[in-house]
Structures are given as C-alpha cells and as structure tokens.
Amino acid sequence: MKRKLAAILVAGALMVGLMSGSAFAAQTEPGVPGEPNCKRQTVAYLAQLGGAVDIHGFANVAKALGFTVQELHDLVDSYCAGP
C-alpha cells in the first residue's frame, strides 16, 4: 500500500513539474528505486519540484501535500525500496 502511495505521490509530482514547464537546476528526476542514492535524489527532486509552484523546500512540499516531513520521508523510503 505504501509503495503504491509513494508511486502516486511521485507521479503527481512529475505531473506538476511537466505542467509547469519549468526546468530544475540540479535534480531533474527522482532517484531510481533500489539504487543506493535513490533517497537523496528523490528528496532533492521533490524539494526542487515544489519550486515550480512556489513551494520551496522538502518540508514545505510535505506540508502542501498534507504530510508531515517524516511521513513524506517514509513514502520516499518506500518508493526507493523498489518492488
């Protein structure tokens, strides 16, 4: 269930980025599930992606999505754990 929720979250974040038409400075996509740096890349991606809609930083993205920072980290962990 958590993995599906994480996938939905990341997909939603991708859609926001695509609809905004903005380019991101450093992390242009979430990390790859199962890879060692997945969590770092995905957290950076989400934090930067929020800037496309004037929400800056991971904590503010979490709040805007209705999650606590820990809950969003848990979703990222679940996403990065892979199938």
N, C-alpha and C. Protein backbone atom coordinates (compact mmCIF):
# COMPACT_ATOMS: atom_id res chain seq x y z
N MET A 1 0.82 -1.19 0.00
CA MET A 1 0.00 0.00 0.00
C MET A 1 0.86 1.25 0.00
N LYS A 2 1.89 1.26 0.88
CA LYS A 2 2.76 2.43 0.96
C LYS A 2 3.50 2.65 -0.35
N ARG A 3 3.91 1.56 -0.98
CA ARG A 3 4.64 1.69 -2.25
C ARG A 3 3.75 2.28 -3.32
N LYS A 4 2.50 1.87 -3.36
CA LYS A 4 1.57 2.44 -4.33
C LYS A 4 1.36 3.92 -4.06
N LEU A 5 1.23 4.26 -2.79
CA LEU A 5 1.05 5.66 -2.41
C LEU A 5 2.28 6.48 -2.79
N ALA A 6 3.46 5.92 -2.57
CA ALA A 6 4.69 6.62 -2.94
C ALA A 6 4.75 6.81 -4.45
N ALA A 7 4.37 5.80 -5.19
CA ALA A 7 4.39 5.90 -6.65
C ALA A 7 3.40 6.97 -7.12
N ILE A 8 2.24 7.01 -6.49
CA ILE A 8 1.24 8.03 -6.84
C ILE A 8 1.78 9.42 -6.52
N LEU A 9 2.42 9.55 -5.37
CA LEU A 9 3.00 10.83 -4.96
C LEU A 9 4.03 11.30 -5.97
N VAL A 10 4.94 10.43 -6.33
CA VAL A 10 5.99 10.80 -7.27
C VAL A 10 5.39 11.11 -8.64
N ALA A 11 4.41 10.30 -9.06
CA ALA A 11 3.76 10.57 -10.34
C ALA A 11 3.07 11.92 -10.33
N GLY A 12 2.41 12.25 -9.23
CA GLY A 12 1.78 13.55 -9.10
C GLY A 12 2.79 14.68 -9.15
N ALA A 13 3.91 14.47 -8.48
CA ALA A 13 4.97 15.48 -8.51
C ALA A 13 5.51 15.65 -9.93
N LEU A 14 5.65 14.54 -10.64
CA LEU A 14 6.10 14.62 -12.03
C LEU A 14 5.13 15.43 -12.88
N MET A 15 3.85 15.21 -12.68
CA MET A 15 2.84 15.93 -13.45
C MET A 15 2.89 17.42 -13.17
N VAL A 16 3.06 17.79 -11.91
CA VAL A 16 3.17 19.20 -11.56
C VAL A 16 4.35 19.82 -12.29
N GLY A 17 5.47 19.11 -12.30
CA GLY A 17 6.66 19.61 -12.98
C GLY A 17 6.45 19.72 -14.48
N LEU A 18 5.82 18.75 -15.07
CA LEU A 18 5.59 18.78 -16.51
C LEU A 18 4.62 19.90 -16.89
N MET A 19 3.59 20.09 -16.08
CA MET A 19 2.59 21.11 -16.38
C MET A 19 3.16 22.51 -16.19
N SER A 20 4.11 22.66 -15.30
CA SER A 20 4.66 23.99 -15.05
C SER A 20 5.60 24.43 -16.16
N GLY A 21 6.20 23.46 -16.85
CA GLY A 21 7.13 23.79 -17.91
C GLY A 21 8.46 24.33 -17.40
N SER A 22 8.71 24.23 -16.12
CA SER A 22 9.94 24.75 -15.55
C SER A 22 11.07 23.74 -15.66
N ALA A 23 12.27 24.26 -15.77
CA ALA A 23 13.45 23.41 -15.72
C ALA A 23 14.01 23.48 -14.30
N PHE A 24 14.60 22.42 -13.84
CA PHE A 24 15.12 22.37 -12.49
C PHE A 24 16.65 22.39 -12.54
N ALA A 25 17.23 23.11 -11.61
CA ALA A 25 18.66 23.35 -11.62
C ALA A 25 19.49 22.07 -11.51
N ALA A 26 19.22 21.23 -10.55
CA ALA A 26 20.13 20.12 -10.31
C ALA A 26 19.48 18.75 -10.48
N GLN A 27 18.46 18.46 -9.75
CA GLN A 27 17.87 17.12 -9.76
C GLN A 27 16.61 17.13 -10.62
N THR A 28 16.71 16.61 -11.83
CA THR A 28 15.61 16.71 -12.78
C THR A 28 14.68 15.51 -12.78
N GLU A 29 14.99 14.49 -11.98
CA GLU A 29 14.11 13.33 -11.87
C GLU A 29 14.33 12.66 -10.54
N PRO A 30 13.33 11.91 -10.08
CA PRO A 30 13.51 11.20 -8.81
C PRO A 30 14.56 10.11 -8.96
N GLY A 31 15.04 9.63 -7.83
CA GLY A 31 16.02 8.55 -7.85
C GLY A 31 15.42 7.26 -8.40
N VAL A 32 16.28 6.32 -8.67
CA VAL A 32 15.87 5.02 -9.21
C VAL A 32 15.71 4.04 -8.05
N PRO A 33 14.50 3.46 -7.89
CA PRO A 33 14.29 2.51 -6.80
C PRO A 33 15.34 1.39 -6.82
N GLY A 34 15.86 1.09 -5.64
CA GLY A 34 16.86 0.05 -5.50
C GLY A 34 18.29 0.56 -5.59
N GLU A 35 18.49 1.75 -6.11
CA GLU A 35 19.84 2.32 -6.21
C GLU A 35 20.23 2.96 -4.88
N PRO A 36 21.51 2.94 -4.52
CA PRO A 36 21.95 3.46 -3.23
C PRO A 36 21.62 4.94 -2.98
N ASN A 37 21.62 5.76 -4.01
CA ASN A 37 21.37 7.19 -3.82
C ASN A 37 19.93 7.58 -4.13
N CYS A 38 19.03 6.62 -4.21
CA CYS A 38 17.63 6.90 -4.55
C CYS A 38 17.00 7.91 -3.60
N LYS A 39 17.17 7.71 -2.31
CA LYS A 39 16.51 8.60 -1.35
C LYS A 39 17.01 10.03 -1.48
N ARG A 40 18.32 10.20 -1.55
CA ARG A 40 18.89 11.54 -1.67
C ARG A 40 18.39 12.24 -2.93
N GLN A 41 18.40 11.52 -4.04
CA GLN A 41 17.96 12.12 -5.30
C GLN A 41 16.46 12.44 -5.29
N THR A 42 15.67 11.55 -4.70
CA THR A 42 14.22 11.76 -4.69
C THR A 42 13.84 12.91 -3.77
N VAL A 43 14.47 13.00 -2.61
CA VAL A 43 14.21 14.12 -1.70
C VAL A 43 14.60 15.43 -2.38
N ALA A 44 15.76 15.46 -3.02
CA ALA A 44 16.20 16.68 -3.72
C ALA A 44 15.23 17.02 -4.84
N TYR A 45 14.80 16.01 -5.57
CA TYR A 45 13.86 16.24 -6.67
C TYR A 45 12.55 16.84 -6.17
N LEU A 46 11.99 16.26 -5.12
CA LEU A 46 10.72 16.77 -4.59
C LEU A 46 10.88 18.19 -4.05
N ALA A 47 12.00 18.45 -3.37
CA ALA A 47 12.23 19.78 -2.82
C ALA A 47 12.34 20.81 -3.94
N GLN A 48 13.02 20.46 -5.00
CA GLN A 48 13.19 21.39 -6.12
C GLN A 48 11.92 21.49 -6.95
N LEU A 49 11.20 20.42 -7.06
CA LEU A 49 9.98 20.41 -7.86
C LEU A 49 8.94 21.36 -7.27
N GLY A 50 8.91 21.44 -5.96
CA GLY A 50 7.98 22.36 -5.32
C GLY A 50 8.20 23.80 -5.74
N GLY A 51 9.44 24.14 -6.06
CA GLY A 51 9.75 25.50 -6.50
C GLY A 51 9.01 25.89 -7.77
N ALA A 52 8.62 24.90 -8.56
CA ALA A 52 7.89 25.17 -9.81
C ALA A 52 6.51 25.78 -9.52
N VAL A 53 6.00 25.52 -8.33
CA VAL A 53 4.69 26.07 -7.94
C VAL A 53 4.83 26.97 -6.72
N ASP A 54 6.04 27.54 -6.56
CA ASP A 54 6.35 28.49 -5.49
C ASP A 54 6.23 27.88 -4.09
N ILE A 55 6.60 26.62 -3.96
CA ILE A 55 6.70 25.95 -2.66
C ILE A 55 8.14 25.50 -2.55
N HIS A 56 8.89 26.10 -1.64
CA HIS A 56 10.32 25.86 -1.58
C HIS A 56 10.70 24.97 -0.40
N GLY A 57 11.46 23.93 -0.67
CA GLY A 57 11.98 23.05 0.36
C GLY A 57 11.11 21.83 0.61
N PHE A 58 11.76 20.78 1.04
CA PHE A 58 11.10 19.49 1.26
C PHE A 58 10.00 19.60 2.32
N ALA A 59 10.27 20.31 3.41
CA ALA A 59 9.28 20.44 4.48
C ALA A 59 8.02 21.15 3.99
N ASN A 60 8.19 22.17 3.20
CA ASN A 60 7.03 22.89 2.67
C ASN A 60 6.26 22.07 1.64
N VAL A 61 6.99 21.27 0.85
CA VAL A 61 6.33 20.36 -0.09
C VAL A 61 5.49 19.35 0.68
N ALA A 62 6.07 18.79 1.74
CA ALA A 62 5.34 17.82 2.57
C ALA A 62 4.06 18.45 3.12
N LYS A 63 4.18 19.63 3.65
CA LYS A 63 3.03 20.34 4.22
C LYS A 63 1.97 20.60 3.16
N ALA A 64 2.40 21.05 1.98
CA ALA A 64 1.45 21.34 0.89
C ALA A 64 0.71 20.09 0.43
N LEU A 65 1.36 18.93 0.54
CA LEU A 65 0.73 17.67 0.14
C LEU A 65 -0.08 17.04 1.27
N GLY A 66 -0.05 17.67 2.45
CA GLY A 66 -0.81 17.16 3.58
C GLY A 66 -0.10 16.08 4.38
N PHE A 67 1.24 16.03 4.27
CA PHE A 67 2.03 15.06 5.01
C PHE A 67 2.92 15.78 6.01
N THR A 68 3.36 15.05 7.03
CA THR A 68 4.44 15.55 7.86
C THR A 68 5.73 15.26 7.11
N VAL A 69 6.81 15.88 7.53
CA VAL A 69 8.10 15.61 6.91
C VAL A 69 8.44 14.12 7.05
N GLN A 70 8.21 13.57 8.23
CA GLN A 70 8.51 12.15 8.45
C GLN A 70 7.67 11.25 7.55
N GLU A 71 6.40 11.58 7.38
CA GLU A 71 5.54 10.77 6.51
C GLU A 71 6.03 10.81 5.06
N LEU A 72 6.46 11.98 4.60
CA LEU A 72 6.96 12.08 3.24
C LEU A 72 8.29 11.33 3.10
N HIS A 73 9.14 11.43 4.12
CA HIS A 73 10.39 10.64 4.11
C HIS A 73 10.06 9.15 4.06
N ASP A 74 9.07 8.72 4.83
CA ASP A 74 8.67 7.31 4.83
C ASP A 74 8.18 6.87 3.45
N LEU A 75 7.44 7.75 2.77
CA LEU A 75 6.98 7.44 1.42
C LEU A 75 8.15 7.34 0.45
N VAL A 76 9.11 8.24 0.60
CA VAL A 76 10.30 8.19 -0.25
C VAL A 76 11.06 6.89 0.02
N ASP A 77 11.20 6.51 1.29
CA ASP A 77 11.86 5.25 1.64
C ASP A 77 11.15 4.07 0.98
N SER A 78 9.83 4.09 1.06
CA SER A 78 9.05 3.01 0.46
C SER A 78 9.23 2.97 -1.05
N TYR A 79 9.19 4.13 -1.68
CA TYR A 79 9.40 4.23 -3.13
C TYR A 79 10.78 3.69 -3.49
N CYS A 80 11.79 4.10 -2.74
CA CYS A 80 13.17 3.72 -3.07
C CYS A 80 13.48 2.25 -2.77
N ALA A 81 12.68 1.63 -1.92
CA ALA A 81 12.89 0.21 -1.63
C ALA A 81 12.62 -0.64 -2.87
N GLY A 82 11.85 -0.10 -3.79
CA GLY A 82 11.55 -0.82 -5.03
C GLY A 82 10.47 -1.87 -4.83
N PRO A 83 10.17 -2.56 -5.92
CA PRO A 83 9.08 -3.56 -5.87
C PRO A 83 9.42 -4.77 -5.03
